[in-house]
Amino acid sequence: MKKPYLFIAAIFSLLLANSASAEQDKLNISGFGTLATATADTNKYQFRNDRSQAEFAKKDGFAFKPLSLIGVQLDYSLSNNLDFVGQFVYREQDEQNINSITQMAFLRYDVTPSWQVRAGRLAADIFHFSDTRDVSIAYPWVKVPTEVYGIVPARSLDGADIRYSKRYENFNLSVKGFWGKGESDFSSVDFEPIAFDNLHTLGVELTAFDWSVSLKHTRTEAGNDNFDIAQVTSAVELLQPFWSGAIDFANSLQLLDATIHYTSLYAHRNLGDWEISGELSRIDSESVALRPSFNGFLNISYLYGAHTFYGLLSFAETDTYFLSEEQPNFPITPATSELAILTEEVASSLAHNQKTLSVGWRWDLKENLAFKAQIERSDIEARGTGLRARNGLVVDDEAGVAHTLFFALSFSF
């Protein structure tokens, strides 16, 4: 899909590359990257960075594609209070074009020292680390917790935001509102992106020297159904002559036009060489296809010189769906048994149930270069396997345990 701001990004990139030496003080070029590998102890439930990813950790081998990437950011000052920002990230995905690699392309205007407006393609700011999830030098772990961030794979949105900030004696206050739209950032063409229409986010953050707290809420509407949902809802509607509730139930299965809510509460506290941080999030919608889920993580880190040691507990919880319990009047017969299974699959594909315990070590070799090692154990519940790389139907999956080992070099420039 062609967007005007993508052409603006391309034009700015060409202009900046050929700018005269006298203009170089207006241009700042920076970047970040990760060279990471992962290996797993199972072929059944293997790690992937988000639920749409085509690449995954391999048993008896090392996979570099799931987590490795490189990004470049251009900041060009147009005046004292107006600048352009473009960020371009290359990572493994089935489509490589200007649209897929453009993470950000926006104009930023400082109205006053307290008020700032941005417009264009902006980094998604749904959960706390949503806008920095690919910048692994910014956090101690090899990756952000999959149980929270692998569920919402949107990395950028199109629209505008306005931020108000004020410094108080003991903390800083930031309030930001966003209006726009976008689509899920799926890396595999086997997954159909979900469009987010009429998306609104409101966030409040308090930060101090040794603590911070942030609360964010996003409301949006799904702009489409994927193929599986559309097929199942159409088939359920045909049961109306045999079941008076068929059409109402089919409508409840649809994701199209369903209102979706994302809520996140994050906090962190530094206690000398120790840091405690955590996030709780909730996802809810009007559709059976995206039922309420409760997700979160708790991190404890210890800083020893250039080394950081950490333990991380993360989880994703959604109630298991059984059609016979939720819709006892659904006519299950030999002729409709396959449809019943596919209906449960629609209700279970976005319902994740797993807990992961991770321990790791970060070694800051330089200010802008860090080596990381992390091992994690994931306990996956039956019918809650959608975050893993797997085959077959989710409703056929049994409970399992997976161990994954990661090594990474994170850097910035």
Protein backbone atom coordinates (compact mmCIF):
# COMPACT_ATOMS: atom_id res chain seq x y z
CA MET A 1 0.00 0.00 0.00
CA LYS A 2 1.54 3.29 -1.09
CA LYS A 3 1.45 6.15 1.38
CA PRO A 4 2.43 9.80 0.81
CA TYR A 5 4.77 9.81 3.79
CA LEU A 6 6.74 6.91 2.31
CA PHE A 7 7.52 8.99 -0.73
CA ILE A 8 8.45 11.84 1.60
CA ALA A 9 10.80 9.46 3.45
CA ALA A 10 12.45 8.37 0.21
CA ILE A 11 12.83 11.96 -1.02
CA PHE A 12 14.31 13.08 2.29
CA SER A 13 16.76 10.18 2.25
CA LEU A 14 18.01 11.17 -1.20
CA LEU A 15 18.25 14.82 -0.25
CA LEU A 16 20.09 14.06 2.95
CA ALA A 17 22.56 11.76 1.22
CA ASN A 18 23.52 14.56 -1.16
CA SER A 19 23.34 17.53 1.19
CA ALA A 20 26.18 20.00 1.14
CA SER A 21 28.79 20.05 3.88
CA ALA A 22 27.35 23.30 5.21
CA GLU A 23 24.13 21.46 6.00
CA GLN A 24 25.70 18.54 7.82
CA ASP A 25 25.15 20.07 11.25
CA LYS A 26 21.42 19.77 10.60
CA LEU A 27 21.63 16.03 10.02
CA ASN A 28 22.12 13.34 12.63
CA ILE A 29 22.49 9.71 11.54
CA SER A 30 22.31 6.95 14.14
CA GLY A 31 21.42 3.32 14.23
CA PHE A 32 21.05 0.11 16.16
CA GLY A 33 21.16 -3.59 15.54
CA THR A 34 21.13 -7.09 16.92
CA LEU A 35 23.02 -10.18 15.80
CA ALA A 36 21.31 -12.98 17.68
CA THR A 37 20.92 -16.73 17.49
CA ALA A 38 18.58 -19.19 19.15
CA THR A 39 18.38 -22.95 19.54
CA ALA A 40 15.64 -25.12 21.04
CA ASP A 41 15.38 -28.58 22.57
CA THR A 42 12.15 -29.50 20.79
CA ASN A 43 10.72 -29.66 17.29
CA LYS A 44 7.16 -29.42 18.57
CA TYR A 45 6.82 -26.02 20.26
CA GLN A 46 9.74 -23.90 19.05
CA PHE A 47 10.39 -20.24 19.83
CA ARG A 48 9.40 -17.45 17.44
CA ASN A 49 9.60 -13.75 18.22
CA ASP A 50 5.94 -13.09 17.52
CA ARG A 51 3.01 -15.27 16.59
CA SER A 52 3.15 -14.39 12.88
CA GLN A 53 6.85 -14.98 12.32
CA ALA A 54 7.93 -17.47 9.68
CA GLU A 55 11.38 -18.01 11.21
CA PHE A 56 11.89 -19.86 14.49
CA ALA A 57 14.52 -21.41 16.73
CA LYS A 58 15.67 -24.81 15.54
CA LYS A 59 16.43 -27.99 17.41
CA ASP A 60 20.05 -29.17 17.06
CA GLY A 61 20.96 -25.97 15.23
CA PHE A 62 21.20 -22.21 15.57
CA ALA A 63 18.75 -19.82 13.92
CA PHE A 64 19.88 -16.23 13.32
CA LYS A 65 16.84 -14.88 11.48
CA PRO A 66 14.18 -14.64 14.24
CA LEU A 67 15.95 -11.89 16.22
CA SER A 68 18.70 -10.39 14.05
CA LEU A 69 18.10 -6.95 12.53
CA ILE A 70 19.67 -3.60 11.75
CA GLY A 71 18.11 -0.14 11.83
CA VAL A 72 19.15 3.33 10.70
CA GLN A 73 17.58 6.57 11.90
CA LEU A 74 17.84 9.97 10.24
CA ASP A 75 17.08 13.16 12.15
CA TYR A 76 17.06 16.29 10.00
CA SER A 77 16.51 19.73 11.51
CA LEU A 78 14.34 21.96 9.32
CA SER A 79 14.25 24.82 11.82
CA ASN A 80 14.76 25.46 15.52
CA ASN A 81 11.50 23.71 16.41
CA LEU A 82 10.72 21.52 13.38
CA ASP A 83 12.50 18.37 12.27
CA PHE A 84 12.02 15.22 10.25
CA VAL A 85 12.68 11.72 11.60
CA GLY A 86 12.99 8.61 9.47
CA GLN A 87 13.78 5.14 10.77
CA PHE A 88 14.36 2.16 8.52
CA VAL A 89 14.70 -1.38 9.91
CA TYR A 90 15.79 -4.45 7.98
CA ARG A 91 14.89 -7.81 9.47
CA GLU A 92 13.76 -11.17 8.18
CA GLN A 93 10.34 -10.95 6.55
CA ASP A 94 8.80 -12.29 3.38
CA GLU A 95 8.34 -8.87 1.79
CA GLN A 96 11.19 -6.37 1.58
CA ASN A 97 10.14 -2.98 0.23
CA ILE A 98 10.06 0.67 1.27
CA ASN A 99 6.77 0.13 3.09
CA SER A 100 7.95 -2.87 5.11
CA ILE A 101 11.29 -1.40 6.20
CA THR A 102 10.00 2.10 7.05
CA GLN A 103 9.43 2.00 10.78
CA MET A 104 9.04 5.73 11.24
CA ALA A 105 8.69 8.73 8.93
CA PHE A 106 7.26 11.80 10.62
CA LEU A 107 7.53 15.53 11.17
CA ARG A 108 8.02 16.73 14.75
CA TYR A 109 7.11 20.22 15.85
CA ASP A 110 7.90 21.69 19.27
CA VAL A 111 5.06 24.13 19.84
CA THR A 112 6.42 25.19 23.24
CA PRO A 113 8.91 23.58 25.65
CA SER A 114 5.94 21.65 27.09
CA TRP A 115 3.95 20.82 23.96
CA GLN A 116 5.06 18.67 21.02
CA VAL A 117 3.18 17.45 17.93
CA ARG A 118 4.20 14.65 15.56
CA ALA A 119 2.52 13.48 12.34
CA GLY A 120 3.28 10.68 9.88
CA ARG A 121 4.29 7.09 10.51
CA LEU A 122 5.03 6.72 14.21
CA ALA A 123 6.30 3.85 16.33
CA ALA A 124 3.40 2.02 17.98
CA ASP A 125 3.08 3.01 21.62
CA ILE A 126 0.55 0.46 22.83
CA PHE A 127 2.60 -1.14 25.61
CA HIS A 128 5.65 0.24 27.43
CA PHE A 129 8.38 -1.21 25.16
CA SER A 130 6.30 -1.16 21.96
CA ASP A 131 8.24 1.75 20.47
CA THR A 132 11.69 0.35 21.41
CA ARG A 133 11.10 -3.41 21.12
CA ASP A 134 13.65 -3.75 18.28
CA VAL A 135 16.33 -1.64 20.03
CA SER A 136 17.74 -4.39 22.22
CA ILE A 137 20.66 -2.27 23.46
CA ALA A 138 18.00 -0.35 25.46
CA TYR A 139 17.06 -3.23 27.79
CA PRO A 140 18.95 -6.04 29.56
CA TRP A 141 17.30 -9.05 27.92
CA VAL A 142 17.96 -10.60 24.53
CA LYS A 143 14.35 -9.75 23.58
CA VAL A 144 11.28 -8.20 25.13
CA PRO A 145 8.98 -10.79 26.75
CA THR A 146 7.16 -12.69 24.02
CA GLU A 147 4.13 -13.33 26.24
CA VAL A 148 3.39 -9.59 26.19
CA TYR A 149 4.88 -8.26 22.96
CA GLY A 150 4.54 -11.26 20.65
CA ILE A 151 0.76 -11.00 20.86
CA VAL A 152 0.55 -7.49 19.38
CA PRO A 153 3.04 -7.47 16.49
CA ALA A 154 2.25 -3.91 15.32
CA ARG A 155 5.47 -1.88 15.27
CA SER A 156 4.25 1.32 13.63
CA LEU A 157 1.02 3.23 13.05
CA ASP A 158 -0.03 6.08 10.76
CA GLY A 159 -1.43 9.21 12.33
CA ALA A 160 -0.52 12.00 14.73
CA ASP A 161 0.14 12.45 18.42
CA ILE A 162 0.42 15.33 20.83
CA ARG A 163 2.51 15.26 23.99
CA TYR A 164 2.45 17.46 27.07
CA SER A 165 5.37 17.30 29.49
CA LYS A 166 6.03 19.15 32.72
CA ARG A 167 8.84 18.94 35.26
CA TYR A 168 7.91 18.91 38.92
CA GLU A 169 10.21 18.97 41.92
CA ASN A 170 10.44 15.19 42.36
CA PHE A 171 9.32 13.77 39.02
CA ASN A 172 8.51 14.51 35.40
CA LEU A 173 5.02 14.17 33.96
CA SER A 174 4.27 13.17 30.36
CA VAL A 175 0.81 12.85 28.81
CA LYS A 176 0.41 11.73 25.21
CA GLY A 177 -2.57 11.14 22.94
CA PHE A 178 -2.46 9.42 19.54
CA TRP A 179 -5.02 9.26 16.73
CA GLY A 180 -4.57 7.15 13.63
CA LYS A 181 -4.69 3.70 12.08
CA GLY A 182 -2.42 0.89 10.97
CA GLU A 183 -2.11 -2.83 10.55
CA SER A 184 -0.36 -5.68 12.29
CA ASP A 185 3.27 -6.02 11.25
CA PHE A 186 3.27 -9.64 10.13
CA SER A 187 6.62 -10.90 8.85
CA SER A 188 5.19 -13.89 6.95
CA VAL A 189 2.88 -13.70 3.93
CA ASP A 190 1.12 -16.79 5.31
CA PHE A 191 -0.58 -14.53 7.86
CA GLU A 192 -3.12 -11.91 6.90
CA PRO A 193 -2.51 -8.54 8.57
CA ILE A 194 -5.26 -7.24 10.84
CA ALA A 195 -6.17 -3.63 10.10
CA PHE A 196 -6.57 -1.25 13.03
CA ASP A 197 -9.06 1.55 12.26
CA ASN A 198 -10.03 4.53 14.43
CA LEU A 199 -7.15 3.85 16.78
CA HIS A 200 -6.82 6.11 19.83
CA THR A 201 -4.20 5.86 22.56
CA LEU A 202 -3.87 7.83 25.78
CA GLY A 203 -0.78 7.43 27.93
CA VAL A 204 0.39 8.97 31.20
CA GLU A 205 3.94 8.52 32.49
CA LEU A 206 5.69 9.66 35.65
CA THR A 207 9.49 9.41 35.75
CA ALA A 208 12.06 10.19 38.39
CA PHE A 209 15.73 9.44 38.96
CA ASP A 210 15.18 5.93 40.32
CA TRP A 211 11.58 5.04 39.44
CA SER A 212 8.92 5.34 36.75
CA VAL A 213 5.27 4.43 36.28
CA SER A 214 3.22 4.49 33.09
CA LEU A 215 -0.38 3.70 32.21
CA LYS A 216 -1.58 3.35 28.62
CA HIS A 217 -4.92 2.52 27.06
CA THR A 218 -5.66 1.96 23.38
CA ARG A 219 -9.03 1.59 21.70
CA THR A 220 -9.36 0.54 18.09
CA GLU A 221 -11.62 -1.30 15.65
CA ALA A 222 -10.65 -4.30 13.55
CA GLY A 223 -10.93 -3.46 9.88
CA ASN A 224 -11.11 -7.00 8.52
CA ASP A 225 -11.49 -10.71 9.19
CA ASN A 226 -8.87 -13.19 8.13
CA PHE A 227 -9.73 -16.02 5.76
CA ASP A 228 -10.33 -18.63 8.46
CA ILE A 229 -12.73 -16.44 10.43
CA ALA A 230 -14.66 -15.46 7.29
CA GLN A 231 -15.04 -19.10 6.21
CA VAL A 232 -16.21 -20.31 9.62
CA THR A 233 -18.71 -17.48 10.18
CA SER A 234 -20.24 -18.07 6.75
CA ALA A 235 -20.64 -21.77 7.50
CA VAL A 236 -22.15 -21.12 10.95
CA GLU A 237 -24.74 -18.78 9.41
CA LEU A 238 -26.00 -21.69 7.29
CA LEU A 239 -27.10 -23.46 10.48
CA GLN A 240 -29.87 -20.91 11.05
CA PRO A 241 -32.67 -23.28 9.82
CA PHE A 242 -31.59 -25.81 12.46
CA TRP A 243 -30.51 -23.42 15.22
CA SER A 244 -32.18 -20.08 15.86
CA GLY A 245 -29.02 -18.62 17.42
CA ALA A 246 -26.74 -19.36 14.45
CA ILE A 247 -26.61 -15.88 12.95
CA ASP A 248 -26.06 -14.14 16.29
CA PHE A 249 -23.27 -16.56 17.13
CA ALA A 250 -21.70 -16.12 13.68
CA ASN A 251 -21.69 -12.35 14.22
CA SER A 252 -19.94 -12.81 17.57
CA LEU A 253 -17.17 -14.77 15.85
CA GLN A 254 -16.37 -11.95 13.45
CA LEU A 255 -13.39 -9.73 14.11
CA LEU A 256 -14.50 -7.20 11.48
CA ASP A 257 -15.72 -3.97 13.15
CA ALA A 258 -15.13 -5.43 16.63
CA THR A 259 -13.86 -2.94 19.20
CA ILE A 260 -10.51 -3.93 20.71
CA HIS A 261 -9.00 -2.59 23.93
CA TYR A 262 -5.35 -2.74 25.01
CA THR A 263 -4.39 -1.63 28.52
CA SER A 264 -0.91 -1.60 30.05
CA LEU A 265 0.50 -0.70 33.47
CA TYR A 266 4.31 -0.57 33.79
CA ALA A 267 6.54 0.28 36.73
CA HIS A 268 10.23 0.11 37.54
CA ARG A 269 12.37 0.94 40.57
CA ASN A 270 16.13 1.13 41.03
CA LEU A 271 17.44 0.04 44.44
CA GLY A 272 21.17 0.63 44.31
CA ASP A 273 22.61 -2.09 42.06
CA TRP A 274 19.22 -3.82 41.86
CA GLU A 275 16.36 -3.05 39.50
CA ILE A 276 12.81 -4.34 39.71
CA SER A 277 10.46 -3.79 36.80
CA GLY A 278 7.23 -5.26 35.54
CA GLU A 279 4.26 -4.80 33.29
CA LEU A 280 0.67 -6.02 33.37
CA SER A 281 -1.48 -5.84 30.26
CA ARG A 282 -4.98 -6.80 29.24
CA ILE A 283 -6.38 -7.35 25.76
CA ASP A 284 -10.12 -7.53 25.21
CA SER A 285 -12.54 -7.28 22.32
CA GLU A 286 -16.17 -7.78 21.33
CA SER A 287 -15.23 -10.84 19.25
CA VAL A 288 -15.01 -14.48 20.31
CA ALA A 289 -11.96 -14.65 18.02
CA LEU A 290 -10.06 -12.32 20.36
CA ARG A 291 -11.18 -13.16 23.86
CA PRO A 292 -9.90 -11.42 27.02
CA SER A 293 -6.28 -12.16 27.85
CA PHE A 294 -4.13 -11.19 30.81
CA ASN A 295 -0.40 -10.87 30.19
CA GLY A 296 2.63 -9.58 32.02
CA PHE A 297 6.20 -9.93 33.20
CA LEU A 298 8.31 -9.35 36.30
CA ASN A 299 12.04 -8.66 36.01
CA ILE A 300 14.75 -8.52 38.68
CA SER A 301 18.20 -7.38 37.58
CA TYR A 302 21.50 -6.99 39.42
CA LEU A 303 24.25 -4.72 38.12
CA TYR A 304 27.86 -5.73 38.86
CA GLY A 305 30.29 -3.46 37.08
CA ALA A 306 29.86 -4.00 33.34
CA HIS A 307 27.71 -7.07 33.96
CA THR A 308 23.96 -7.36 34.48
CA PHE A 309 22.40 -10.59 35.74
CA TYR A 310 18.64 -10.98 35.56
CA GLY A 311 15.69 -13.24 36.13
CA LEU A 312 12.49 -12.77 34.16
CA LEU A 313 9.05 -14.34 34.65
CA SER A 314 6.46 -13.71 31.93
CA PHE A 315 3.03 -15.11 31.20
CA ALA A 316 0.05 -15.04 28.86
CA GLU A 317 -3.32 -16.29 30.12
CA THR A 318 -6.63 -16.76 28.30
CA ASP A 319 -9.53 -19.00 29.29
CA THR A 320 -9.68 -22.24 27.28
CA TYR A 321 -12.65 -22.29 24.93
CA PHE A 322 -14.94 -25.30 24.56
CA LEU A 323 -17.87 -24.90 22.19
CA SER A 324 -20.09 -27.37 24.07
CA GLU A 325 -19.77 -25.23 27.21
CA GLU A 326 -20.04 -21.79 25.61
CA GLN A 327 -22.79 -22.66 23.12
CA PRO A 328 -24.62 -25.77 24.42
CA ASN A 329 -27.32 -25.41 21.74
CA PHE A 330 -24.85 -25.60 18.85
CA PRO A 331 -26.06 -28.60 16.75
CA ILE A 332 -23.09 -30.98 16.84
CA THR A 333 -23.80 -33.88 14.49
CA PRO A 334 -21.61 -36.00 12.21
CA ALA A 335 -22.33 -33.43 9.49
CA THR A 336 -21.30 -30.44 11.63
CA SER A 337 -18.51 -31.99 13.71
CA GLU A 338 -15.75 -30.56 11.52
CA LEU A 339 -17.34 -27.11 11.65
CA ALA A 340 -17.50 -27.38 15.45
CA ILE A 341 -13.75 -28.08 15.56
CA LEU A 342 -12.97 -25.18 13.22
CA THR A 343 -15.15 -22.89 15.34
CA GLU A 344 -13.14 -23.81 18.42
CA GLU A 345 -9.97 -23.16 16.39
CA VAL A 346 -11.13 -19.61 15.57
CA ALA A 347 -11.79 -19.03 19.28
CA SER A 348 -8.39 -20.52 20.27
CA SER A 349 -5.90 -19.25 17.67
CA LEU A 350 -5.43 -15.89 19.45
CA ALA A 351 -5.84 -17.38 22.94
CA HIS A 352 -2.40 -18.02 24.43
CA ASN A 353 -1.56 -19.85 27.62
CA GLN A 354 2.08 -20.14 28.55
CA LYS A 355 4.51 -19.15 31.28
CA THR A 356 8.22 -18.56 30.74
CA LEU A 357 11.05 -18.34 33.26
CA SER A 358 14.26 -16.82 31.91
CA VAL A 359 17.69 -16.17 33.38
CA GLY A 360 20.36 -14.21 31.59
CA TRP A 361 23.55 -12.21 31.57
CA ARG A 362 24.40 -8.96 29.82
CA TRP A 363 28.03 -7.84 29.44
CA ASP A 364 28.54 -4.25 28.32
CA LEU A 365 31.72 -4.50 26.27
CA LYS A 366 31.45 -0.82 25.37
CA GLU A 367 28.94 1.93 25.93
CA ASN A 368 27.25 1.00 22.66
CA LEU A 369 28.01 -2.74 22.47
CA ALA A 370 26.66 -5.52 24.68
CA PHE A 371 26.88 -9.32 24.65
CA LYS A 372 23.88 -11.20 26.01
CA ALA A 373 23.14 -14.81 26.89
CA GLN A 374 19.72 -16.04 27.98
CA ILE A 375 18.08 -19.39 28.60
CA GLU A 376 14.36 -19.84 29.14
CA ARG A 377 11.88 -22.53 30.01
CA SER A 378 8.35 -22.19 28.65
CA ASP A 379 5.45 -24.22 30.02
CA ILE A 380 2.73 -24.26 27.37
CA GLU A 381 -0.83 -25.29 28.20
CA ALA A 382 -3.04 -27.41 25.95
CA ARG A 383 -4.92 -25.29 23.40
CA GLY A 384 -2.73 -22.33 24.32
CA THR A 385 0.15 -22.87 21.90
CA GLY A 386 -0.41 -20.05 19.40
CA LEU A 387 2.76 -18.17 20.34
CA ARG A 388 4.95 -21.12 19.37
CA ALA A 389 6.07 -22.34 15.94
CA ARG A 390 3.97 -25.47 15.50
CA ASN A 391 1.96 -27.52 13.02
CA GLY A 392 -1.72 -28.43 12.86
CA LEU A 393 -4.65 -27.04 14.79
CA VAL A 394 -4.24 -25.30 18.13
CA VAL A 395 -7.21 -27.24 19.53
CA ASP A 396 -5.33 -30.51 18.91
CA ASP A 397 -2.25 -29.40 20.84
CA GLU A 398 -1.40 -30.90 24.20
CA ALA A 399 0.55 -29.29 27.02
CA GLY A 400 4.31 -29.20 26.62
CA VAL A 401 7.60 -27.75 27.82
CA ALA A 402 10.20 -26.01 25.65
CA HIS A 403 13.70 -24.76 26.46
CA THR A 404 15.40 -22.11 24.32
CA LEU A 405 18.98 -20.78 24.45
CA PHE A 406 19.83 -17.33 23.06
CA PHE A 407 23.07 -15.48 22.35
CA ALA A 408 23.12 -11.91 21.05
CA LEU A 409 25.31 -8.92 20.27
CA SER A 410 23.38 -5.67 20.63
CA PHE A 411 24.84 -2.41 19.40
CA SER A 412 24.13 1.18 18.52
CA PHE A 413 26.02 3.76 16.47
